[in-house]
Amino acid sequence: MPTVHFTANLKRFYPDLVPFEVEAHTVAELIHAVEAKHLGLRDYLVDDQGQLRKHVNVFVGNTLIADRIGLSDALTAQDEVYIMQALSGG
C-alpha cells in the first residue's frame, strides 16, 4: 500500500498526523482515504470541485503529480506520496 507523508504545517490542525499506509490506486483515492482517517483534512487539500488547491503540491516519490484536476495519477503499493502545503505571507 502507498505511504502518505505530510508537511509539518498541517500538524497544527492535526497533531496526530503521521505517515501511514493507505489502500489507494490513484491520488484521488488516496485523498479520500486520508479524509476517512482525518476528518476535514480534504478541505485543506482540494477545493469544492475536487481539484487540488493552488497552494498544495503532491509528489509521488520525487515526481510532482501531473493531474491536479482529476487526481488520476496512478499509485503502486511501493509509492511514497508527499503532500505539501505551501506557506505564504510577507
PDB file of N, CA and C in Angstrom:
ATOM      1  N   MET A   1       0.852  -1.187   0.000  1.00  0.00           N
ATOM      2  CA  MET A   1       0.000   0.000   0.000  1.00  0.00           C
ATOM      3  C   MET A   1       0.892   1.243   0.000  1.00  0.00           C
ATOM      4  N   PRO A   2       0.493   2.283  -0.730  1.00  0.00           N
ATOM      5  CA  PRO A   2       1.269   3.524  -0.715  1.00  0.00           C
ATOM      6  C   PRO A   2       1.304   4.118   0.695  1.00  0.00           C
ATOM      7  N   THR A   3       2.389   4.798   0.988  1.00  0.00           N
ATOM      8  CA  THR A   3       2.527   5.508   2.257  1.00  0.00           C
ATOM      9  C   THR A   3       2.410   6.995   1.981  1.00  0.00           C
ATOM     10  N   VAL A   4       1.599   7.683   2.769  1.00  0.00           N
ATOM     11  CA  VAL A   4       1.397   9.118   2.590  1.00  0.00           C
ATOM     12  C   VAL A   4       2.096   9.869   3.724  1.00  0.00           C
ATOM     13  N   HIS A   5       2.800  10.950   3.339  1.00  0.00           N
ATOM     14  CA  HIS A   5       3.539  11.805   4.269  1.00  0.00           C
ATOM     15  C   HIS A   5       3.000  13.233   4.131  1.00  0.00           C
ATOM     16  N   PHE A   6       3.105  14.005   5.194  1.00  0.00           N
ATOM     17  CA  PHE A   6       2.584  15.375   5.211  1.00  0.00           C
ATOM     18  C   PHE A   6       3.641  16.345   5.715  1.00  0.00           C
ATOM     19  N   THR A   7       3.530  17.615   5.297  1.00  0.00           N
ATOM     20  CA  THR A   7       4.416  18.644   5.828  1.00  0.00           C
ATOM     21  C   THR A   7       3.993  18.985   7.255  1.00  0.00           C
ATOM     22  N   ALA A   8       4.943  19.504   8.002  1.00  0.00           N
ATOM     23  CA  ALA A   8       4.714  19.780   9.426  1.00  0.00           C
ATOM     24  C   ALA A   8       3.636  20.837   9.665  1.00  0.00           C
ATOM     25  N   ASN A   9       3.432  21.771   8.736  1.00  0.00           N
ATOM     26  CA  ASN A   9       2.456  22.845   8.989  1.00  0.00           C
ATOM     27  C   ASN A   9       1.033  22.310   9.134  1.00  0.00           C
ATOM     28  N   LEU A  10       0.707  21.174   8.536  1.00  0.00           N
ATOM     29  CA  LEU A  10      -0.630  20.595   8.702  1.00  0.00           C
ATOM     30  C   LEU A  10      -0.822  20.000  10.097  1.00  0.00           C
ATOM     31  N   LYS A  11       0.264  19.754  10.802  1.00  0.00           N
ATOM     32  CA  LYS A  11       0.172  19.182  12.149  1.00  0.00           C
ATOM     33  C   LYS A  11      -0.371  20.193  13.163  1.00  0.00           C
ATOM     34  N   ARG A  12      -0.406  21.469  12.796  1.00  0.00           N
ATOM     35  CA  ARG A  12      -1.039  22.464  13.679  1.00  0.00           C
ATOM     36  C   ARG A  12      -2.505  22.125  13.879  1.00  0.00           C
ATOM     37  N   PHE A  13      -3.138  21.644  12.833  1.00  0.00           N
ATOM     38  CA  PHE A  13      -4.562  21.339  12.870  1.00  0.00           C
ATOM     39  C   PHE A  13      -4.835  19.868  13.158  1.00  0.00           C
ATOM     40  N   TYR A  14      -3.864  19.023  12.837  1.00  0.00           N
ATOM     41  CA  TYR A  14      -3.998  17.570  13.033  1.00  0.00           C
ATOM     42  C   TYR A  14      -2.733  17.061  13.714  1.00  0.00           C
ATOM     43  N   PRO A  15      -2.632  17.237  15.040  1.00  0.00           N
ATOM     44  CA  PRO A  15      -1.404  16.886  15.760  1.00  0.00           C
ATOM     45  C   PRO A  15      -1.004  15.414  15.633  1.00  0.00           C
ATOM     46  N   ASP A  16      -1.954  14.535  15.401  1.00  0.00           N
ATOM     47  CA  ASP A  16      -1.640  13.106  15.283  1.00  0.00           C
ATOM     48  C   ASP A  16      -1.368  12.684  13.844  1.00  0.00           C
ATOM     49  N   LEU A  17      -1.093  13.652  12.979  1.00  0.00           N
ATOM     50  CA  LEU A  17      -0.848  13.391  11.563  1.00  0.00           C
ATOM     51  C   LEU A  17       0.565  12.837  11.380  1.00  0.00           C
ATOM     52  N   VAL A  18       0.649  11.563  11.156  1.00  0.00           N
ATOM     53  CA  VAL A  18       1.926  10.884  10.934  1.00  0.00           C
ATOM     54  C   VAL A  18       1.814  10.098   9.628  1.00  0.00           C
ATOM     55  N   PRO A  19       2.952   9.748   9.026  1.00  0.00           N
ATOM     56  CA  PRO A  19       2.866   8.935   7.807  1.00  0.00           C
ATOM     57  C   PRO A  19       2.099   7.638   8.069  1.00  0.00           C
ATOM     58  N   PHE A  20       1.285   7.241   7.096  1.00  0.00           N
ATOM     59  CA  PHE A  20       0.550   5.988   7.235  1.00  0.00           C
ATOM     60  C   PHE A  20       0.277   5.408   5.856  1.00  0.00           C
ATOM     61  N   GLU A  21       0.019   4.119   5.827  1.00  0.00           N
ATOM     62  CA  GLU A  21      -0.293   3.430   4.584  1.00  0.00           C
ATOM     63  C   GLU A  21      -1.779   3.535   4.292  1.00  0.00           C
ATOM     64  N   VAL A  22      -2.097   3.644   3.006  1.00  0.00           N
ATOM     65  CA  VAL A  22      -3.492   3.713   2.584  1.00  0.00           C
ATOM     66  C   VAL A  22      -3.720   2.754   1.421  1.00  0.00           C
ATOM     67  N   GLU A  23      -4.923   2.283   1.309  1.00  0.00           N
ATOM     68  CA  GLU A  23      -5.326   1.474   0.162  1.00  0.00           C
ATOM     69  C   GLU A  23      -5.794   2.440  -0.911  1.00  0.00           C
ATOM     70  N   ALA A  24      -4.970   2.642  -1.946  1.00  0.00           N
ATOM     71  CA  ALA A  24      -5.309   3.603  -2.997  1.00  0.00           C
ATOM     72  C   ALA A  24      -4.549   3.261  -4.267  1.00  0.00           C
ATOM     73  N   HIS A  25      -5.235   3.422  -5.407  1.00  0.00           N
ATOM     74  CA  HIS A  25      -4.611   3.177  -6.704  1.00  0.00           C
ATOM     75  C   HIS A  25      -4.414   4.467  -7.495  1.00  0.00           C
ATOM     76  N   THR A  26      -5.023   5.564  -7.011  1.00  0.00           N
ATOM     77  CA  THR A  26      -4.854   6.882  -7.623  1.00  0.00           C
ATOM     78  C   THR A  26      -4.718   7.914  -6.513  1.00  0.00           C
ATOM     79  N   VAL A  27      -4.283   9.110  -6.884  1.00  0.00           N
ATOM     80  CA  VAL A  27      -4.177  10.188  -5.900  1.00  0.00           C
ATOM     81  C   VAL A  27      -5.560  10.548  -5.360  1.00  0.00           C
ATOM     82  N   ALA A  28      -6.588  10.520  -6.201  1.00  0.00           N
ATOM     83  CA  ALA A  28      -7.952  10.809  -5.742  1.00  0.00           C
ATOM     84  C   ALA A  28      -8.375   9.825  -4.653  1.00  0.00           C
ATOM     85  N   GLU A  29      -8.097   8.539  -4.856  1.00  0.00           N
ATOM     86  CA  GLU A  29      -8.426   7.537  -3.844  1.00  0.00           C
ATOM     87  C   GLU A  29      -7.625   7.761  -2.571  1.00  0.00           C
ATOM     88  N   LEU A  30      -6.377   8.181  -2.721  1.00  0.00           N
ATOM     89  CA  LEU A  30      -5.535   8.457  -1.557  1.00  0.00           C
ATOM     90  C   LEU A  30      -6.125   9.592  -0.720  1.00  0.00           C
ATOM     91  N   ILE A  31      -6.549  10.663  -1.376  1.00  0.00           N
ATOM     92  CA  ILE A  31      -7.122  11.795  -0.644  1.00  0.00           C
ATOM     93  C   ILE A  31      -8.425  11.378   0.038  1.00  0.00           C
ATOM     94  N   HIS A  32      -9.200  10.549  -0.607  1.00  0.00           N
ATOM     95  CA  HIS A  32     -10.420  10.024   0.020  1.00  0.00           C
ATOM     96  C   HIS A  32     -10.067   9.218   1.274  1.00  0.00           C
ATOM     97  N   ALA A  33      -9.037   8.402   1.203  1.00  0.00           N
ATOM     98  CA  ALA A  33      -8.611   7.601   2.356  1.00  0.00           C
ATOM     99  C   ALA A  33      -8.051   8.476   3.476  1.00  0.00           C
ATOM    100  N   VAL A  34      -7.354   9.540   3.105  1.00  0.00           N
ATOM    101  CA  VAL A  34      -6.837  10.489   4.104  1.00  0.00           C
ATOM    102  C   VAL A  34      -7.999  11.143   4.848  1.00  0.00           C
ATOM    103  N   GLU A  35      -9.022  11.533   4.108  1.00  0.00           N
ATOM    104  CA  GLU A  35     -10.200  12.161   4.725  1.00  0.00           C
ATOM    105  C   GLU A  35     -10.905  11.203   5.677  1.00  0.00           C
ATOM    106  N   ALA A  36     -10.957   9.938   5.318  1.00  0.00           N
ATOM    107  CA  ALA A  36     -11.611   8.958   6.189  1.00  0.00           C
ATOM    108  C   ALA A  36     -10.889   8.833   7.523  1.00  0.00           C
ATOM    109  N   LYS A  37      -9.591   9.016   7.519  1.00  0.00           N
ATOM    110  CA  LYS A  37      -8.806   8.894   8.750  1.00  0.00           C
ATOM    111  C   LYS A  37      -8.700  10.215   9.510  1.00  0.00           C
ATOM    112  N   HIS A  38      -8.679  11.341   8.780  1.00  0.00           N
ATOM    113  CA  HIS A  38      -8.523  12.669   9.388  1.00  0.00           C
ATOM    114  C   HIS A  38      -9.614  13.585   8.840  1.00  0.00           C
ATOM    115  N   LEU A  39     -10.774  13.526   9.451  1.00  0.00           N
ATOM    116  CA  LEU A  39     -11.950  14.268   9.008  1.00  0.00           C
ATOM    117  C   LEU A  39     -11.651  15.762   8.847  1.00  0.00           C
ATOM    118  N   GLY A  40     -11.961  16.296   7.682  1.00  0.00           N
ATOM    119  CA  GLY A  40     -11.781  17.715   7.395  1.00  0.00           C
ATOM    120  C   GLY A  40     -10.481  18.050   6.687  1.00  0.00           C
ATOM    121  N   LEU A  41      -9.530  17.139   6.674  1.00  0.00           N
ATOM    122  CA  LEU A  41      -8.235  17.409   6.037  1.00  0.00           C
ATOM    123  C   LEU A  41      -8.376  17.606   4.526  1.00  0.00           C
ATOM    124  N   ARG A  42      -9.324  16.921   3.941  1.00  0.00           N
ATOM    125  CA  ARG A  42      -9.556  17.040   2.494  1.00  0.00           C
ATOM    126  C   ARG A  42      -9.780  18.497   2.087  1.00  0.00           C
ATOM    127  N   ASP A  43     -10.478  19.259   2.922  1.00  0.00           N
ATOM    128  CA  ASP A  43     -10.773  20.653   2.596  1.00  0.00           C
ATOM    129  C   ASP A  43      -9.517  21.513   2.514  1.00  0.00           C
ATOM    130  N   TYR A  44      -8.453  21.127   3.189  1.00  0.00           N
ATOM    131  CA  TYR A  44      -7.186  21.839   3.079  1.00  0.00           C
ATOM    132  C   TYR A  44      -6.467  21.494   1.782  1.00  0.00           C
ATOM    133  N   LEU A  45      -6.809  20.356   1.190  1.00  0.00           N
ATOM    134  CA  LEU A  45      -6.077  19.852   0.034  1.00  0.00           C
ATOM    135  C   LEU A  45      -6.754  20.125  -1.298  1.00  0.00           C
ATOM    136  N   VAL A  46      -8.085  19.966  -1.344  1.00  0.00           N
ATOM    137  CA  VAL A  46      -8.812  20.147  -2.599  1.00  0.00           C
ATOM    138  C   VAL A  46      -9.948  21.144  -2.411  1.00  0.00           C
ATOM    139  N   ASP A  47     -10.362  21.747  -3.528  1.00  0.00           N
ATOM    140  CA  ASP A  47     -11.462  22.713  -3.471  1.00  0.00           C
ATOM    141  C   ASP A  47     -12.808  21.994  -3.568  1.00  0.00           C
ATOM    142  N   ASP A  48     -13.883  22.766  -3.675  1.00  0.00           N
ATOM    143  CA  ASP A  48     -15.224  22.177  -3.684  1.00  0.00           C
ATOM    144  C   ASP A  48     -15.518  21.370  -4.948  1.00  0.00           C
ATOM    145  N   GLN A  49     -14.665  21.474  -5.969  1.00  0.00           N
ATOM    146  CA  GLN A  49     -14.821  20.683  -7.187  1.00  0.00           C
ATOM    147  C   GLN A  49     -13.883  19.470  -7.202  1.00  0.00           C
ATOM    148  N   GLY A  50     -13.151  19.276  -6.109  1.00  0.00           N
ATOM    149  CA  GLY A  50     -12.251  18.135  -6.008  1.00  0.00           C
ATOM    150  C   GLY A  50     -10.899  18.334  -6.665  1.00  0.00           C
ATOM    151  N   GLN A  51     -10.601  19.563  -7.076  1.00  0.00           N
ATOM    152  CA  GLN A  51      -9.320  19.862  -7.706  1.00  0.00           C
ATOM    153  C   GLN A  51      -8.309  20.277  -6.651  1.00  0.00           C
ATOM    154  N   LEU A  52      -7.069  19.906  -6.861  1.00  0.00           N
ATOM    155  CA  LEU A  52      -6.020  20.256  -5.913  1.00  0.00           C
ATOM    156  C   LEU A  52      -5.919  21.767  -5.781  1.00  0.00           C
ATOM    157  N   ARG A  53      -5.866  22.246  -4.553  1.00  0.00           N
ATOM    158  CA  ARG A  53      -5.754  23.689  -4.326  1.00  0.00           C
ATOM    159  C   ARG A  53      -4.418  24.206  -4.847  1.00  0.00           C
ATOM    160  N   LYS A  54      -4.376  25.490  -5.198  1.00  0.00           N
ATOM    161  CA  LYS A  54      -3.178  26.100  -5.780  1.00  0.00           C
ATOM    162  C   LYS A  54      -1.970  26.014  -4.858  1.00  0.00           C
ATOM    163  N   HIS A  55      -2.199  26.100  -3.561  1.00  0.00           N
ATOM    164  CA  HIS A  55      -1.091  26.123  -2.607  1.00  0.00           C
ATOM    165  C   HIS A  55      -0.692  24.729  -2.115  1.00  0.00           C
ATOM    166  N   VAL A  56      -1.213  23.692  -2.758  1.00  0.00           N
ATOM    167  CA  VAL A  56      -0.906  22.316  -2.362  1.00  0.00           C
ATOM    168  C   VAL A  56      -0.191  21.613  -3.510  1.00  0.00           C
ATOM    169  N   ASN A  57       0.866  20.885  -3.184  1.00  0.00           N
ATOM    170  CA  ASN A  57       1.564  20.045  -4.156  1.00  0.00           C
ATOM    171  C   ASN A  57       1.580  18.620  -3.642  1.00  0.00           C
ATOM    172  N   VAL A  58       1.453  17.693  -4.559  1.00  0.00           N
ATOM    173  CA  VAL A  58       1.520  16.273  -4.217  1.00  0.00           C
ATOM    174  C   VAL A  58       2.609  15.646  -5.081  1.00  0.00           C
ATOM    175  N   PHE A  59       3.537  14.994  -4.415  1.00  0.00           N
ATOM    176  CA  PHE A  59       4.619  14.291  -5.091  1.00  0.00           C
ATOM    177  C   PHE A  59       4.459  12.801  -4.875  1.00  0.00           C
ATOM    178  N   VAL A  60       4.676  12.042  -5.924  1.00  0.00           N
ATOM    179  CA  VAL A  60       4.771  10.591  -5.811  1.00  0.00           C
ATOM    180  C   VAL A  60       6.249  10.300  -5.993  1.00  0.00           C
ATOM    181  N   GLY A  61       6.901   9.938  -4.902  1.00  0.00           N
ATOM    182  CA  GLY A  61       8.361   9.864  -4.925  1.00  0.00           C
ATOM    183  C   GLY A  61       8.902  11.259  -5.137  1.00  0.00           C
ATOM    184  N   ASN A  62       9.723  11.432  -6.152  1.00  0.00           N
ATOM    185  CA  ASN A  62      10.294  12.744  -6.465  1.00  0.00           C
ATOM    186  C   ASN A  62       9.564  13.453  -7.597  1.00  0.00           C
ATOM    187  N   THR A  63       8.424  12.924  -8.010  1.00  0.00           N
ATOM    188  CA  THR A  63       7.725  13.449  -9.177  1.00  0.00           C
ATOM    189  C   THR A  63       6.426  14.142  -8.781  1.00  0.00           C
ATOM    190  N   LEU A  64       6.296  15.387  -9.198  1.00  0.00           N
ATOM    191  CA  LEU A  64       5.059  16.145  -8.980  1.00  0.00           C
ATOM    192  C   LEU A  64       3.951  15.514  -9.812  1.00  0.00           C
ATOM    193  N   ILE A  65       2.762  15.359  -9.229  1.00  0.00           N
ATOM    194  CA  ILE A  65       1.666  14.748  -9.989  1.00  0.00           C
ATOM    195  C   ILE A  65       1.328  15.607 -11.201  1.00  0.00           C
ATOM    196  N   ALA A  66       0.847  14.963 -12.245  1.00  0.00           N
ATOM    197  CA  ALA A  66       0.517  15.662 -13.489  1.00  0.00           C
ATOM    198  C   ALA A  66      -0.927  16.155 -13.515  1.00  0.00           C
ATOM    199  N   ASP A  67      -1.835  15.412 -12.894  1.00  0.00           N
ATOM    200  CA  ASP A  67      -3.267  15.717 -12.970  1.00  0.00           C
ATOM    201  C   ASP A  67      -3.751  16.387 -11.688  1.00  0.00           C
ATOM    202  N   ARG A  68      -3.713  17.720 -11.667  1.00  0.00           N
ATOM    203  CA  ARG A  68      -4.164  18.474 -10.497  1.00  0.00           C
ATOM    204  C   ARG A  68      -5.690  18.617 -10.468  1.00  0.00           C
ATOM    205  N   ILE A  69      -6.357  18.300 -11.578  1.00  0.00           N
ATOM    206  CA  ILE A  69      -7.807  18.464 -11.662  1.00  0.00           C
ATOM    207  C   ILE A  69      -8.532  17.174 -11.282  1.00  0.00           C
ATOM    208  N   GLY A  70      -8.213  16.088 -11.945  1.00  0.00           N
ATOM    209  CA  GLY A  70      -8.893  14.817 -11.688  1.00  0.00           C
ATOM    210  C   GLY A  70      -8.175  13.913 -10.702  1.00  0.00           C
ATOM    211  N   LEU A  71      -6.918  14.254 -10.393  1.00  0.00           N
ATOM    212  CA  LEU A  71      -6.096  13.491  -9.445  1.00  0.00           C
ATOM    213  C   LEU A  71      -6.013  12.020  -9.837  1.00  0.00           C
ATOM    214  N   SER A  72      -5.867  11.786 -11.142  1.00  0.00           N
ATOM    215  CA  SER A  72      -5.889  10.429 -11.669  1.00  0.00           C
ATOM    216  C   SER A  72      -4.523   9.752 -11.722  1.00  0.00           C
ATOM    217  N   ASP A  73      -3.471  10.433 -11.260  1.00  0.00           N
ATOM    218  CA  ASP A  73      -2.141   9.825 -11.288  1.00  0.00           C
ATOM    219  C   ASP A  73      -2.177   8.490 -10.557  1.00  0.00           C
ATOM    220  N   ALA A  74      -1.591   7.474 -11.184  1.00  0.00           N
ATOM    221  CA  ALA A  74      -1.614   6.119 -10.635  1.00  0.00           C
ATOM    222  C   ALA A  74      -0.609   5.959  -9.503  1.00  0.00           C
ATOM    223  N   LEU A  75      -0.958   5.100  -8.550  1.00  0.00           N
ATOM    224  CA  LEU A  75      -0.086   4.768  -7.428  1.00  0.00           C
ATOM    225  C   LEU A  75       0.154   3.266  -7.407  1.00  0.00           C
ATOM    226  N   THR A  76       1.327   2.899  -6.924  1.00  0.00           N
ATOM    227  CA  THR A  76       1.635   1.487  -6.708  1.00  0.00           C
ATOM    228  C   THR A  76       1.791   1.253  -5.210  1.00  0.00           C
ATOM    229  N   ALA A  77       1.828   0.011  -4.832  1.00  0.00           N
ATOM    230  CA  ALA A  77       1.935  -0.347  -3.412  1.00  0.00           C
ATOM    231  C   ALA A  77       3.224   0.169  -2.787  1.00  0.00           C
ATOM    232  N   GLN A  78       4.263   0.366  -3.581  1.00  0.00           N
ATOM    233  CA  GLN A  78       5.556   0.789  -3.045  1.00  0.00           C
ATOM    234  C   GLN A  78       5.729   2.308  -3.009  1.00  0.00           C
ATOM    235  N   ASP A  79       4.781   3.064  -3.515  1.00  0.00           N
ATOM    236  CA  ASP A  79       4.945   4.520  -3.622  1.00  0.00           C
ATOM    237  C   ASP A  79       4.957   5.222  -2.273  1.00  0.00           C
ATOM    238  N   GLU A  80       5.789   6.273  -2.210  1.00  0.00           N
ATOM    239  CA  GLU A  80       5.802   7.209  -1.092  1.00  0.00           C
ATOM    240  C   GLU A  80       5.184   8.489  -1.645  1.00  0.00           C
ATOM    241  N   VAL A  81       4.090   8.934  -1.045  1.00  0.00           N
ATOM    242  CA  VAL A  81       3.370  10.119  -1.512  1.00  0.00           C
ATOM    243  C   VAL A  81       3.571  11.228  -0.486  1.00  0.00           C
ATOM    244  N   TYR A  82       3.958  12.401  -0.973  1.00  0.00           N
ATOM    245  CA  TYR A  82       4.220  13.543  -0.107  1.00  0.00           C
ATOM    246  C   TYR A  82       3.235  14.654  -0.421  1.00  0.00           C
ATOM    247  N   ILE A  83       2.471  15.074   0.588  1.00  0.00           N
ATOM    248  CA  ILE A  83       1.514  16.165   0.424  1.00  0.00           C
ATOM    249  C   ILE A  83       2.112  17.382   1.097  1.00  0.00           C
ATOM    250  N   MET A  84       2.304  18.437   0.297  1.00  0.00           N
ATOM    251  CA  MET A  84       2.960  19.647   0.778  1.00  0.00           C
ATOM    252  C   MET A  84       2.050  20.830   0.592  1.00  0.00           C
ATOM    253  N   GLN A  85       1.853  21.567   1.671  1.00  0.00           N
ATOM    254  CA  GLN A  85       1.039  22.774   1.615  1.00  0.00           C
ATOM    255  C   GLN A  85       1.984  23.952   1.713  1.00  0.00           C
ATOM    256  N   ALA A  86       2.008  24.774   0.670  1.00  0.00           N
ATOM    257  CA  ALA A  86       2.904  25.938   0.637  1.00  0.00           C
ATOM    258  C   ALA A  86       2.437  26.981   1.652  1.00  0.00           C
ATOM    259  N   LEU A  87       3.384  27.647   2.264  1.00  0.00           N
ATOM    260  CA  LEU A  87       3.082  28.739   3.168  1.00  0.00           C
ATOM    261  C   LEU A  87       3.301  30.049   2.422  1.00  0.00           C
ATOM    262  N   SER A  88       2.480  31.036   2.698  1.00  0.00           N
ATOM    263  CA  SER A  88       2.633  32.325   2.042  1.00  0.00           C
ATOM    264  C   SER A  88       2.507  33.421   3.079  1.00  0.00           C
ATOM    265  N   GLY A  89       2.869  34.579   2.699  1.00  0.00           N
ATOM    266  CA  GLY A  89       2.774  35.709   3.614  1.00  0.00           C
ATOM    267  C   GLY A  89       3.924  36.664   3.389  1.00  0.00           C
ATOM    268  N   GLY A  90       3.979  37.664   4.216  1.00  0.00           N
ATOM    269  CA  GLY A  90       5.028  38.666   3.980  1.00  0.00           C
ATOM    270  C   GLY A  90       5.818  39.003   5.153  1.00  0.00           C
TER     271      GLY A  90
END
